[in-house]
Amino acid sequence: MKLNHLILCTIFFYLPACTWVETTKEGSKVALVKSFNVNNCSKLGTTNVTVTHKIGILTREDEAVMQDLVIAAKNRAAEMGGDSIVAKEPVVDGKMSFDIFKCSQ
């Protein structure tokens, strides 16, 4: 019985640090950059991404949420033909907006 309790506690301890969004092959080629890096690039659009930031009463770690948001934005940018993304605003409740750019010719 103690072992089951220990396993359950361990799961709840590590669960908020997990990431669940997987990078696509194309998304792995997209770069997260600062706005000054896209001065000579073409803006393709904007994407709003949302990921789970709470699991029941547990709040996921900010770093894990941010990592999932960036991965989701990179995947979306790749779908749109972009190669760079720029964060537009800070994370709020697991939501964030990114501008998508095409910088390479």
N, C-alpha and C. Protein backbone atom coordinates (compact mmCIF):
# COMPACT_ATOMS: atom_id res chain seq x y z
N MET A 1 0.81 -1.19 0.00
CA MET A 1 0.00 0.00 0.00
C MET A 1 0.86 1.26 0.00
N LYS A 2 1.94 1.25 0.78
CA LYS A 2 2.83 2.41 0.81
C LYS A 2 3.48 2.65 -0.54
N LEU A 3 3.80 1.56 -1.25
CA LEU A 3 4.43 1.69 -2.56
C LEU A 3 3.48 2.38 -3.54
N ASN A 4 2.19 2.00 -3.54
CA ASN A 4 1.21 2.65 -4.41
C ASN A 4 1.09 4.14 -4.10
N HIS A 5 1.10 4.47 -2.82
CA HIS A 5 1.02 5.87 -2.40
C HIS A 5 2.26 6.64 -2.87
N LEU A 6 3.42 6.03 -2.75
CA LEU A 6 4.66 6.65 -3.18
C LEU A 6 4.67 6.87 -4.69
N ILE A 7 4.22 5.89 -5.45
CA ILE A 7 4.16 6.02 -6.91
C ILE A 7 3.21 7.14 -7.30
N LEU A 8 2.05 7.20 -6.67
CA LEU A 8 1.07 8.23 -6.96
C LEU A 8 1.62 9.62 -6.64
N CYS A 9 2.29 9.77 -5.52
CA CYS A 9 2.90 11.05 -5.15
C CYS A 9 3.98 11.46 -6.14
N THR A 10 4.77 10.49 -6.58
CA THR A 10 5.83 10.77 -7.55
C THR A 10 5.24 11.24 -8.87
N ILE A 11 4.18 10.62 -9.33
CA ILE A 11 3.52 11.03 -10.57
C ILE A 11 3.03 12.46 -10.45
N PHE A 12 2.35 12.79 -9.36
CA PHE A 12 1.84 14.15 -9.18
C PHE A 12 2.95 15.17 -9.04
N PHE A 13 4.12 14.76 -8.55
CA PHE A 13 5.24 15.66 -8.41
C PHE A 13 5.85 16.00 -9.77
N TYR A 14 5.98 15.01 -10.65
CA TYR A 14 6.63 15.21 -11.94
C TYR A 14 5.68 15.62 -13.06
N LEU A 15 4.40 15.38 -12.93
CA LEU A 15 3.43 15.67 -13.98
C LEU A 15 3.44 17.13 -14.42
N PRO A 16 3.50 18.11 -13.52
CA PRO A 16 3.50 19.50 -13.98
C PRO A 16 4.72 19.89 -14.82
N ALA A 17 5.78 19.13 -14.77
CA ALA A 17 6.99 19.45 -15.53
C ALA A 17 7.00 18.81 -16.91
N CYS A 18 6.03 17.99 -17.20
CA CYS A 18 5.99 17.27 -18.48
C CYS A 18 5.59 18.18 -19.64
N THR A 19 6.13 17.87 -20.81
CA THR A 19 5.68 18.54 -22.02
C THR A 19 4.95 17.51 -22.87
N TRP A 20 3.93 17.97 -23.60
CA TRP A 20 3.11 17.04 -24.36
C TRP A 20 3.05 17.34 -25.84
N VAL A 21 3.47 18.49 -26.25
CA VAL A 21 3.42 18.86 -27.66
C VAL A 21 4.70 18.37 -28.32
N GLU A 22 4.56 17.66 -29.43
CA GLU A 22 5.73 17.12 -30.12
C GLU A 22 6.06 17.97 -31.34
N THR A 23 7.34 18.19 -31.54
CA THR A 23 7.81 18.95 -32.69
C THR A 23 7.70 18.10 -33.95
N THR A 24 7.14 18.69 -35.01
CA THR A 24 7.12 18.01 -36.29
C THR A 24 8.49 18.16 -36.94
N LYS A 25 8.74 17.37 -37.96
CA LYS A 25 10.01 17.46 -38.68
C LYS A 25 10.20 18.87 -39.23
N GLU A 26 9.14 19.42 -39.82
CA GLU A 26 9.21 20.77 -40.39
C GLU A 26 9.32 21.82 -39.29
N GLY A 27 8.60 21.62 -38.19
CA GLY A 27 8.62 22.56 -37.08
C GLY A 27 9.98 22.69 -36.43
N SER A 28 10.77 21.63 -36.49
CA SER A 28 12.11 21.66 -35.89
C SER A 28 13.05 22.60 -36.64
N LYS A 29 12.67 23.00 -37.85
CA LYS A 29 13.50 23.90 -38.65
C LYS A 29 13.15 25.37 -38.44
N VAL A 30 12.12 25.64 -37.64
CA VAL A 30 11.68 27.01 -37.38
C VAL A 30 12.41 27.53 -36.14
N ALA A 31 12.83 28.81 -36.20
CA ALA A 31 13.59 29.41 -35.11
C ALA A 31 12.72 30.41 -34.34
N LEU A 32 12.86 30.41 -33.03
CA LEU A 32 12.27 31.44 -32.18
C LEU A 32 13.30 32.56 -32.10
N VAL A 33 12.96 33.75 -32.58
CA VAL A 33 13.90 34.86 -32.64
C VAL A 33 13.29 36.10 -32.01
N LYS A 34 14.13 37.10 -31.79
CA LYS A 34 13.68 38.41 -31.29
C LYS A 34 13.22 39.25 -32.48
N SER A 35 12.43 40.26 -32.20
CA SER A 35 11.84 41.07 -33.27
C SER A 35 12.88 41.77 -34.14
N PHE A 36 14.03 42.14 -33.58
CA PHE A 36 15.04 42.82 -34.39
C PHE A 36 15.70 41.88 -35.40
N ASN A 37 15.50 40.58 -35.28
CA ASN A 37 16.07 39.61 -36.21
C ASN A 37 15.24 39.42 -37.48
N VAL A 38 14.05 40.02 -37.53
CA VAL A 38 13.17 39.79 -38.67
C VAL A 38 12.93 41.07 -39.49
N ASN A 39 13.84 42.04 -39.36
CA ASN A 39 13.69 43.30 -40.09
C ASN A 39 13.63 43.11 -41.60
N ASN A 40 14.36 42.16 -42.14
CA ASN A 40 14.40 41.93 -43.59
C ASN A 40 13.61 40.68 -44.00
N CYS A 41 12.60 40.34 -43.23
CA CYS A 41 11.81 39.13 -43.48
C CYS A 41 10.38 39.50 -43.88
N SER A 42 9.70 38.55 -44.47
CA SER A 42 8.30 38.75 -44.84
C SER A 42 7.40 38.16 -43.76
N LYS A 43 6.48 38.98 -43.26
CA LYS A 43 5.53 38.49 -42.26
C LYS A 43 4.43 37.70 -42.97
N LEU A 44 4.23 36.46 -42.50
CA LEU A 44 3.21 35.60 -43.10
C LEU A 44 1.90 35.63 -42.34
N GLY A 45 1.95 36.03 -41.08
CA GLY A 45 0.73 36.07 -40.29
C GLY A 45 1.03 35.92 -38.81
N THR A 46 -0.02 35.60 -38.08
CA THR A 46 0.07 35.45 -36.63
C THR A 46 -0.62 34.14 -36.23
N THR A 47 -0.12 33.52 -35.20
CA THR A 47 -0.79 32.34 -34.66
C THR A 47 -0.99 32.52 -33.17
N ASN A 48 -2.13 32.08 -32.70
CA ASN A 48 -2.45 32.06 -31.28
C ASN A 48 -2.46 30.60 -30.85
N VAL A 49 -1.61 30.26 -29.90
CA VAL A 49 -1.52 28.87 -29.46
C VAL A 49 -1.94 28.76 -28.00
N THR A 50 -2.50 27.61 -27.67
CA THR A 50 -2.97 27.35 -26.32
C THR A 50 -2.55 25.93 -25.92
N VAL A 51 -2.06 25.79 -24.72
CA VAL A 51 -1.72 24.47 -24.18
C VAL A 51 -2.27 24.37 -22.76
N THR A 52 -2.33 23.16 -22.25
CA THR A 52 -2.81 22.93 -20.90
C THR A 52 -1.83 23.52 -19.90
N HIS A 53 -2.33 24.37 -19.02
CA HIS A 53 -1.46 24.95 -18.00
C HIS A 53 -1.83 24.48 -16.59
N LYS A 54 -2.98 23.82 -16.49
CA LYS A 54 -3.39 23.26 -15.20
C LYS A 54 -3.89 21.84 -15.42
N ILE A 55 -3.56 20.97 -14.47
CA ILE A 55 -4.04 19.59 -14.49
C ILE A 55 -4.74 19.39 -13.15
N GLY A 56 -6.05 19.50 -13.17
CA GLY A 56 -6.79 19.43 -11.92
C GLY A 56 -6.41 20.60 -11.04
N ILE A 57 -5.91 20.31 -9.85
CA ILE A 57 -5.49 21.37 -8.94
C ILE A 57 -4.02 21.75 -9.11
N LEU A 58 -3.32 21.00 -9.95
CA LEU A 58 -1.90 21.25 -10.17
C LEU A 58 -1.68 22.25 -11.31
N THR A 59 -0.80 23.19 -11.09
CA THR A 59 -0.41 24.13 -12.13
C THR A 59 0.92 23.67 -12.70
N ARG A 60 0.99 23.57 -14.04
CA ARG A 60 2.23 23.13 -14.69
C ARG A 60 3.31 24.18 -14.51
N GLU A 61 4.56 23.74 -14.55
CA GLU A 61 5.69 24.65 -14.45
C GLU A 61 5.68 25.60 -15.65
N ASP A 62 6.03 26.86 -15.39
CA ASP A 62 6.05 27.88 -16.44
C ASP A 62 6.94 27.48 -17.61
N GLU A 63 8.08 26.89 -17.31
CA GLU A 63 9.02 26.49 -18.36
C GLU A 63 8.42 25.41 -19.28
N ALA A 64 7.71 24.45 -18.71
CA ALA A 64 7.09 23.40 -19.50
C ALA A 64 5.97 23.96 -20.38
N VAL A 65 5.18 24.88 -19.83
CA VAL A 65 4.11 25.52 -20.60
C VAL A 65 4.72 26.31 -21.75
N MET A 66 5.74 27.10 -21.46
CA MET A 66 6.40 27.90 -22.49
C MET A 66 6.98 27.02 -23.59
N GLN A 67 7.62 25.93 -23.20
CA GLN A 67 8.21 25.01 -24.18
C GLN A 67 7.12 24.45 -25.10
N ASP A 68 6.00 24.05 -24.55
CA ASP A 68 4.90 23.53 -25.38
C ASP A 68 4.34 24.60 -26.31
N LEU A 69 4.21 25.84 -25.81
CA LEU A 69 3.70 26.93 -26.64
C LEU A 69 4.62 27.20 -27.82
N VAL A 70 5.92 27.23 -27.57
CA VAL A 70 6.89 27.49 -28.64
C VAL A 70 6.85 26.35 -29.66
N ILE A 71 6.79 25.12 -29.21
CA ILE A 71 6.73 23.98 -30.13
C ILE A 71 5.48 24.07 -31.00
N ALA A 72 4.34 24.36 -30.38
CA ALA A 72 3.09 24.47 -31.14
C ALA A 72 3.17 25.61 -32.16
N ALA A 73 3.77 26.72 -31.77
CA ALA A 73 3.92 27.86 -32.69
C ALA A 73 4.87 27.52 -33.83
N LYS A 74 5.96 26.82 -33.54
CA LYS A 74 6.89 26.42 -34.59
C LYS A 74 6.22 25.48 -35.58
N ASN A 75 5.44 24.53 -35.08
CA ASN A 75 4.72 23.61 -35.96
C ASN A 75 3.75 24.36 -36.86
N ARG A 76 3.04 25.33 -36.30
CA ARG A 76 2.08 26.12 -37.08
C ARG A 76 2.81 26.97 -38.11
N ALA A 77 3.94 27.56 -37.73
CA ALA A 77 4.73 28.37 -38.67
C ALA A 77 5.20 27.53 -39.84
N ALA A 78 5.63 26.32 -39.57
CA ALA A 78 6.08 25.43 -40.65
C ALA A 78 4.93 25.12 -41.60
N GLU A 79 3.73 24.92 -41.07
CA GLU A 79 2.55 24.67 -41.91
C GLU A 79 2.27 25.86 -42.83
N MET A 80 2.59 27.07 -42.37
CA MET A 80 2.33 28.29 -43.14
C MET A 80 3.50 28.66 -44.05
N GLY A 81 4.57 27.88 -44.00
CA GLY A 81 5.74 28.17 -44.83
C GLY A 81 6.75 29.11 -44.19
N GLY A 82 6.61 29.35 -42.91
CA GLY A 82 7.53 30.23 -42.19
C GLY A 82 8.75 29.51 -41.68
N ASP A 83 9.77 30.30 -41.36
CA ASP A 83 10.99 29.72 -40.78
C ASP A 83 11.42 30.41 -39.49
N SER A 84 10.64 31.42 -39.07
CA SER A 84 10.96 32.15 -37.84
C SER A 84 9.67 32.58 -37.15
N ILE A 85 9.71 32.59 -35.81
CA ILE A 85 8.59 33.10 -35.04
C ILE A 85 9.10 34.11 -34.02
N VAL A 86 8.23 35.08 -33.70
CA VAL A 86 8.54 36.09 -32.69
C VAL A 86 7.38 36.14 -31.71
N ALA A 87 7.66 36.01 -30.43
CA ALA A 87 6.62 36.08 -29.41
C ALA A 87 6.08 37.51 -29.36
N LYS A 88 4.75 37.64 -29.34
CA LYS A 88 4.11 38.95 -29.33
C LYS A 88 3.79 39.44 -27.92
N GLU A 89 3.60 38.52 -27.01
CA GLU A 89 3.14 38.88 -25.68
C GLU A 89 3.55 37.79 -24.70
N PRO A 90 3.46 38.07 -23.41
CA PRO A 90 3.78 37.03 -22.42
C PRO A 90 2.68 35.97 -22.35
N VAL A 91 3.01 34.86 -21.73
CA VAL A 91 2.07 33.75 -21.55
C VAL A 91 1.00 34.16 -20.54
N VAL A 92 -0.26 33.89 -20.89
CA VAL A 92 -1.38 34.12 -19.97
C VAL A 92 -2.27 32.89 -19.99
N ASP A 93 -2.34 32.19 -18.88
CA ASP A 93 -3.20 31.01 -18.75
C ASP A 93 -2.99 30.00 -19.87
N GLY A 94 -1.76 29.75 -20.22
CA GLY A 94 -1.44 28.75 -21.24
C GLY A 94 -1.70 29.21 -22.66
N LYS A 95 -1.82 30.52 -22.88
CA LYS A 95 -2.08 31.08 -24.21
C LYS A 95 -0.99 32.09 -24.56
N MET A 96 -0.66 32.14 -25.86
CA MET A 96 0.37 33.07 -26.32
C MET A 96 0.22 33.29 -27.81
N SER A 97 0.60 34.47 -28.29
CA SER A 97 0.55 34.80 -29.71
C SER A 97 1.96 34.96 -30.25
N PHE A 98 2.14 34.53 -31.49
CA PHE A 98 3.42 34.62 -32.17
C PHE A 98 3.20 35.16 -33.59
N ASP A 99 4.11 36.03 -34.05
CA ASP A 99 4.13 36.43 -35.44
C ASP A 99 4.98 35.42 -36.18
N ILE A 100 4.59 35.12 -37.42
CA ILE A 100 5.30 34.13 -38.24
C ILE A 100 5.94 34.84 -39.43
N PHE A 101 7.22 34.54 -39.65
CA PHE A 101 7.98 35.19 -40.71
C PHE A 101 8.67 34.18 -41.61
N LYS A 102 8.93 34.60 -42.83
CA LYS A 102 9.75 33.86 -43.79
C LYS A 102 10.98 34.71 -44.02
N CYS A 103 12.13 34.24 -43.57
CA CYS A 103 13.36 35.03 -43.67
C CYS A 103 14.31 34.52 -44.74
N SER A 104 14.31 33.22 -45.00
CA SER A 104 15.20 32.68 -46.01
C SER A 104 14.53 32.73 -47.37
N GLN A 105 15.34 32.78 -48.41
CA GLN A 105 14.79 32.86 -49.77
C GLN A 105 14.56 31.52 -50.37
